[in-house]
């Protein structure tokens, strides 16, 4: 999919339509979760001692065919960066 490098869209900071620069950032994986989050503490507790590790002994399910594009829009006026929606799935993404 080809997408323009600059688009004119609404800026929530300026509260009006302005020119925005489109940037694609790398999606953060599951390993970047906070080390003391509830699931991380639960995993550490399950991994202690003998026996199975419950839900942590199963392989991660990754059967999705494509990655979601994490697209950020930066306002050229106030330099505030924001996202639009939750992204979309596409095999190829190119800024033109």
N, C-alpha and C. Protein backbone atom coordinates (compact mmCIF):
# COMPACT_ATOMS: atom_id res chain seq x y z
N UNK A 1 0.84 -1.17 0.00
CA UNK A 1 0.00 0.00 0.00
C UNK A 1 0.89 1.24 0.00
N UNK A 2 0.59 2.17 -0.84
CA UNK A 2 1.33 3.42 -0.89
C UNK A 2 0.54 4.49 -0.16
N UNK A 3 1.25 5.27 0.66
CA UNK A 3 0.62 6.29 1.49
C UNK A 3 1.43 7.57 1.38
N UNK A 4 0.82 8.74 1.32
CA UNK A 4 1.59 9.98 1.17
C UNK A 4 2.37 10.33 2.44
N UNK A 5 3.54 10.99 2.26
CA UNK A 5 4.39 11.37 3.39
C UNK A 5 3.79 12.54 4.17
N UNK A 6 3.03 13.39 3.49
CA UNK A 6 2.40 14.53 4.15
C UNK A 6 0.91 14.52 3.83
N UNK A 7 0.10 14.67 4.88
CA UNK A 7 -1.36 14.73 4.69
C UNK A 7 -1.90 15.91 5.50
N UNK A 8 -3.05 16.38 5.08
CA UNK A 8 -3.71 17.46 5.81
C UNK A 8 -4.86 16.84 6.59
N UNK A 9 -4.76 16.88 7.93
CA UNK A 9 -5.77 16.26 8.77
C UNK A 9 -5.91 17.03 10.08
N UNK A 10 -6.85 16.62 10.92
CA UNK A 10 -7.17 17.33 12.15
C UNK A 10 -6.08 17.12 13.22
N UNK A 11 -5.67 18.21 13.86
CA UNK A 11 -4.71 18.14 14.96
C UNK A 11 -5.47 18.41 16.27
N UNK A 12 -5.46 17.45 17.22
CA UNK A 12 -6.20 17.67 18.47
C UNK A 12 -5.58 18.76 19.35
N UNK A 13 -4.30 19.04 19.18
CA UNK A 13 -3.65 20.09 19.98
C UNK A 13 -4.01 21.48 19.43
N UNK A 14 -3.87 21.66 18.11
CA UNK A 14 -4.20 22.95 17.48
C UNK A 14 -5.71 23.15 17.35
N UNK A 15 -6.46 22.06 17.38
CA UNK A 15 -7.91 22.06 17.20
C UNK A 15 -8.33 22.58 15.84
N UNK A 16 -7.55 22.26 14.83
CA UNK A 16 -7.92 22.61 13.46
C UNK A 16 -7.16 21.69 12.49
N UNK A 17 -7.51 21.76 11.23
CA UNK A 17 -6.84 20.95 10.23
C UNK A 17 -5.51 21.60 9.85
N UNK A 18 -4.44 20.82 9.93
CA UNK A 18 -3.10 21.30 9.57
C UNK A 18 -2.37 20.22 8.77
N UNK A 19 -1.23 20.59 8.24
CA UNK A 19 -0.38 19.65 7.51
C UNK A 19 0.32 18.74 8.51
N UNK A 20 0.33 17.44 8.24
CA UNK A 20 0.98 16.47 9.11
C UNK A 20 2.00 15.65 8.34
N UNK A 21 3.10 15.29 9.02
CA UNK A 21 4.10 14.39 8.46
C UNK A 21 3.80 13.00 8.97
N UNK A 22 3.78 12.02 8.07
CA UNK A 22 3.46 10.65 8.43
C UNK A 22 4.76 9.90 8.71
N UNK A 23 4.82 9.21 9.85
CA UNK A 23 5.98 8.40 10.22
C UNK A 23 5.51 7.02 10.61
N UNK A 24 6.28 6.02 10.25
CA UNK A 24 5.97 4.65 10.63
C UNK A 24 7.01 4.23 11.66
N UNK A 25 6.55 3.81 12.83
CA UNK A 25 7.46 3.37 13.88
C UNK A 25 7.34 1.86 14.04
N UNK A 26 8.37 1.26 14.60
CA UNK A 26 8.39 -0.18 14.77
C UNK A 26 7.44 -0.57 15.90
N UNK A 27 6.63 -1.60 15.66
CA UNK A 27 5.70 -2.06 16.68
C UNK A 27 6.48 -2.64 17.85
N UNK A 28 6.02 -2.36 19.06
CA UNK A 28 6.66 -2.91 20.25
C UNK A 28 6.15 -4.32 20.46
N UNK A 29 7.05 -5.23 20.73
CA UNK A 29 6.68 -6.63 20.89
C UNK A 29 6.18 -6.96 22.28
N UNK A 30 5.91 -8.23 22.51
CA UNK A 30 5.40 -8.67 23.80
C UNK A 30 6.49 -8.62 24.86
N UNK A 31 7.75 -8.66 24.47
CA UNK A 31 8.85 -8.67 25.44
C UNK A 31 9.14 -7.32 26.04
N UNK A 32 8.47 -6.27 25.57
CA UNK A 32 8.76 -4.94 26.09
C UNK A 32 7.79 -4.55 27.21
N UNK A 33 7.05 -5.53 27.75
CA UNK A 33 6.13 -5.25 28.84
C UNK A 33 6.91 -4.85 30.08
N UNK A 34 6.26 -4.15 30.97
CA UNK A 34 6.92 -3.69 32.20
C UNK A 34 7.36 -4.89 33.04
N UNK A 35 8.58 -4.91 33.58
CA UNK A 35 9.09 -6.09 34.29
C UNK A 35 8.33 -6.43 35.57
N UNK A 36 7.63 -5.46 36.16
CA UNK A 36 6.90 -5.75 37.39
C UNK A 36 5.38 -5.69 37.17
N UNK A 37 4.94 -5.91 35.93
CA UNK A 37 3.51 -5.94 35.66
C UNK A 37 2.90 -7.19 36.29
N UNK A 38 1.58 -7.23 36.35
CA UNK A 38 0.90 -8.35 37.00
C UNK A 38 1.23 -9.67 36.31
N UNK A 39 1.25 -9.67 34.98
CA UNK A 39 1.54 -10.91 34.25
C UNK A 39 2.99 -11.34 34.44
N UNK A 40 3.92 -10.38 34.55
CA UNK A 40 5.32 -10.73 34.77
C UNK A 40 5.52 -11.33 36.15
N UNK A 41 4.85 -10.79 37.16
CA UNK A 41 4.94 -11.34 38.52
C UNK A 41 4.32 -12.73 38.57
N UNK A 42 3.20 -12.89 37.86
CA UNK A 42 2.53 -14.19 37.82
C UNK A 42 3.42 -15.23 37.14
N UNK A 43 4.10 -14.83 36.07
CA UNK A 43 4.99 -15.74 35.36
C UNK A 43 6.16 -16.16 36.24
N UNK A 44 6.76 -15.21 36.97
CA UNK A 44 7.86 -15.54 37.87
C UNK A 44 7.41 -16.51 38.96
N UNK A 45 6.19 -16.32 39.47
CA UNK A 45 5.66 -17.20 40.51
C UNK A 45 5.42 -18.60 39.97
N UNK A 46 4.92 -18.70 38.74
CA UNK A 46 4.63 -20.02 38.15
C UNK A 46 5.91 -20.77 37.79
N UNK A 47 6.96 -20.03 37.43
CA UNK A 47 8.20 -20.67 36.97
C UNK A 47 9.02 -21.26 38.12
N UNK A 48 8.69 -20.91 39.38
CA UNK A 48 9.44 -21.44 40.52
C UNK A 48 9.09 -22.90 40.77
N UNK A 49 10.05 -23.67 41.25
CA UNK A 49 9.78 -25.03 41.71
C UNK A 49 9.56 -26.03 40.58
N UNK A 50 8.91 -27.13 40.93
CA UNK A 50 8.69 -28.23 40.00
C UNK A 50 7.31 -28.11 39.36
N UNK A 51 7.07 -28.94 38.34
CA UNK A 51 5.76 -29.01 37.73
C UNK A 51 5.64 -28.11 36.51
N UNK A 52 4.46 -28.14 35.95
CA UNK A 52 4.22 -27.35 34.75
C UNK A 52 4.12 -25.87 35.08
N UNK A 53 4.11 -25.07 34.06
CA UNK A 53 4.07 -23.63 34.24
C UNK A 53 2.74 -23.04 33.78
N UNK A 54 1.69 -23.88 33.73
CA UNK A 54 0.36 -23.38 33.39
C UNK A 54 0.30 -22.77 32.01
N UNK A 55 -0.30 -21.60 31.91
CA UNK A 55 -0.47 -20.96 30.61
C UNK A 55 0.84 -20.47 30.02
N UNK A 56 1.91 -20.41 30.85
CA UNK A 56 3.20 -19.93 30.35
C UNK A 56 4.02 -21.04 29.70
N UNK A 57 3.55 -22.29 29.77
CA UNK A 57 4.28 -23.38 29.13
C UNK A 57 3.82 -23.61 27.70
N UNK A 58 2.73 -22.92 27.31
CA UNK A 58 2.23 -23.06 25.94
C UNK A 58 2.95 -22.08 25.02
N UNK A 59 3.14 -22.43 23.76
CA UNK A 59 3.77 -21.47 22.84
C UNK A 59 2.85 -20.29 22.55
N UNK A 60 3.43 -19.15 22.27
CA UNK A 60 2.64 -17.96 21.94
C UNK A 60 1.94 -18.18 20.61
N UNK A 61 0.69 -17.77 20.51
CA UNK A 61 -0.09 -17.94 19.29
C UNK A 61 0.19 -16.76 18.38
N UNK A 62 0.79 -17.02 17.24
CA UNK A 62 1.06 -15.95 16.28
C UNK A 62 0.72 -16.44 14.88
N UNK A 63 -0.55 -16.63 14.62
CA UNK A 63 -1.02 -17.14 13.34
C UNK A 63 -1.53 -16.03 12.43
N UNK A 64 -1.37 -14.76 12.85
CA UNK A 64 -1.86 -13.67 12.03
C UNK A 64 -0.97 -13.52 10.79
N UNK A 65 -1.57 -13.32 9.62
CA UNK A 65 -0.79 -13.27 8.39
C UNK A 65 0.08 -12.03 8.24
N UNK A 66 -0.33 -10.89 8.83
CA UNK A 66 0.41 -9.65 8.63
C UNK A 66 0.53 -8.88 9.94
N UNK A 67 1.48 -7.96 9.99
CA UNK A 67 1.65 -7.08 11.14
C UNK A 67 0.79 -5.83 10.94
N UNK A 68 0.39 -5.23 12.05
CA UNK A 68 -0.34 -3.97 11.96
C UNK A 68 0.66 -2.84 11.77
N UNK A 69 0.30 -1.87 10.95
CA UNK A 69 1.16 -0.71 10.71
C UNK A 69 0.93 0.29 11.83
N UNK A 70 2.00 0.66 12.54
CA UNK A 70 1.91 1.65 13.61
C UNK A 70 2.32 2.99 13.01
N UNK A 71 1.32 3.77 12.63
CA UNK A 71 1.55 5.01 11.90
C UNK A 71 1.32 6.20 12.83
N UNK A 72 2.30 7.12 12.89
CA UNK A 72 2.18 8.31 13.72
C UNK A 72 2.11 9.54 12.83
N UNK A 73 1.30 10.49 13.24
CA UNK A 73 1.14 11.74 12.50
C UNK A 73 1.71 12.88 13.34
N UNK A 74 2.65 13.65 12.77
CA UNK A 74 3.25 14.78 13.48
C UNK A 74 2.80 16.07 12.83
N UNK A 75 2.21 16.94 13.64
CA UNK A 75 1.73 18.23 13.16
C UNK A 75 2.92 19.12 12.81
N UNK A 76 2.88 19.76 11.65
CA UNK A 76 3.98 20.63 11.23
C UNK A 76 3.95 21.98 11.95
N UNK A 77 2.81 22.33 12.57
CA UNK A 77 2.69 23.61 13.26
C UNK A 77 3.17 23.49 14.71
N UNK A 78 2.57 22.57 15.48
CA UNK A 78 2.89 22.46 16.91
C UNK A 78 3.84 21.31 17.23
N UNK A 79 4.18 20.48 16.24
CA UNK A 79 5.10 19.34 16.38
C UNK A 79 4.57 18.25 17.31
N UNK A 80 3.28 18.29 17.62
CA UNK A 80 2.67 17.27 18.46
C UNK A 80 2.42 16.03 17.62
N UNK A 81 2.74 14.84 18.17
CA UNK A 81 2.57 13.60 17.44
C UNK A 81 1.36 12.84 17.99
N UNK A 82 0.54 12.29 17.11
CA UNK A 82 -0.61 11.49 17.55
C UNK A 82 -0.85 10.38 16.54
N UNK A 83 -1.68 9.43 16.94
CA UNK A 83 -2.00 8.30 16.06
C UNK A 83 -3.44 8.45 15.57
N UNK A 84 -3.77 7.70 14.57
CA UNK A 84 -5.12 7.70 14.04
C UNK A 84 -5.65 6.27 14.13
N UNK A 85 -6.62 6.04 14.99
CA UNK A 85 -7.19 4.70 15.14
C UNK A 85 -6.21 3.71 15.73
N UNK A 86 -6.42 2.43 15.43
CA UNK A 86 -5.58 1.37 15.98
C UNK A 86 -4.64 0.79 14.94
N UNK A 87 -4.54 1.41 13.78
CA UNK A 87 -3.69 0.87 12.72
C UNK A 87 -4.47 -0.08 11.83
N UNK A 88 -3.79 -0.60 10.82
CA UNK A 88 -4.46 -1.52 9.90
C UNK A 88 -3.44 -2.54 9.42
N UNK A 89 -3.95 -3.69 8.97
CA UNK A 89 -3.09 -4.79 8.53
C UNK A 89 -2.82 -4.65 7.03
N UNK A 90 -1.56 -4.74 6.68
CA UNK A 90 -1.19 -4.69 5.27
C UNK A 90 0.17 -5.39 5.13
N UNK A 91 0.36 -6.08 4.02
CA UNK A 91 1.62 -6.81 3.84
C UNK A 91 2.77 -5.86 3.54
N UNK A 92 2.56 -4.93 2.61
CA UNK A 92 3.60 -3.96 2.26
C UNK A 92 3.06 -2.57 2.54
N UNK A 93 3.89 -1.73 3.15
CA UNK A 93 3.50 -0.35 3.42
C UNK A 93 4.63 0.55 3.00
N UNK A 94 4.34 1.54 2.15
CA UNK A 94 5.38 2.40 1.59
C UNK A 94 4.91 3.84 1.63
N UNK A 95 5.78 4.72 2.15
CA UNK A 95 5.48 6.16 2.14
C UNK A 95 5.99 6.75 0.85
N UNK A 96 5.10 7.43 0.13
CA UNK A 96 5.46 8.00 -1.18
C UNK A 96 5.52 9.51 -1.09
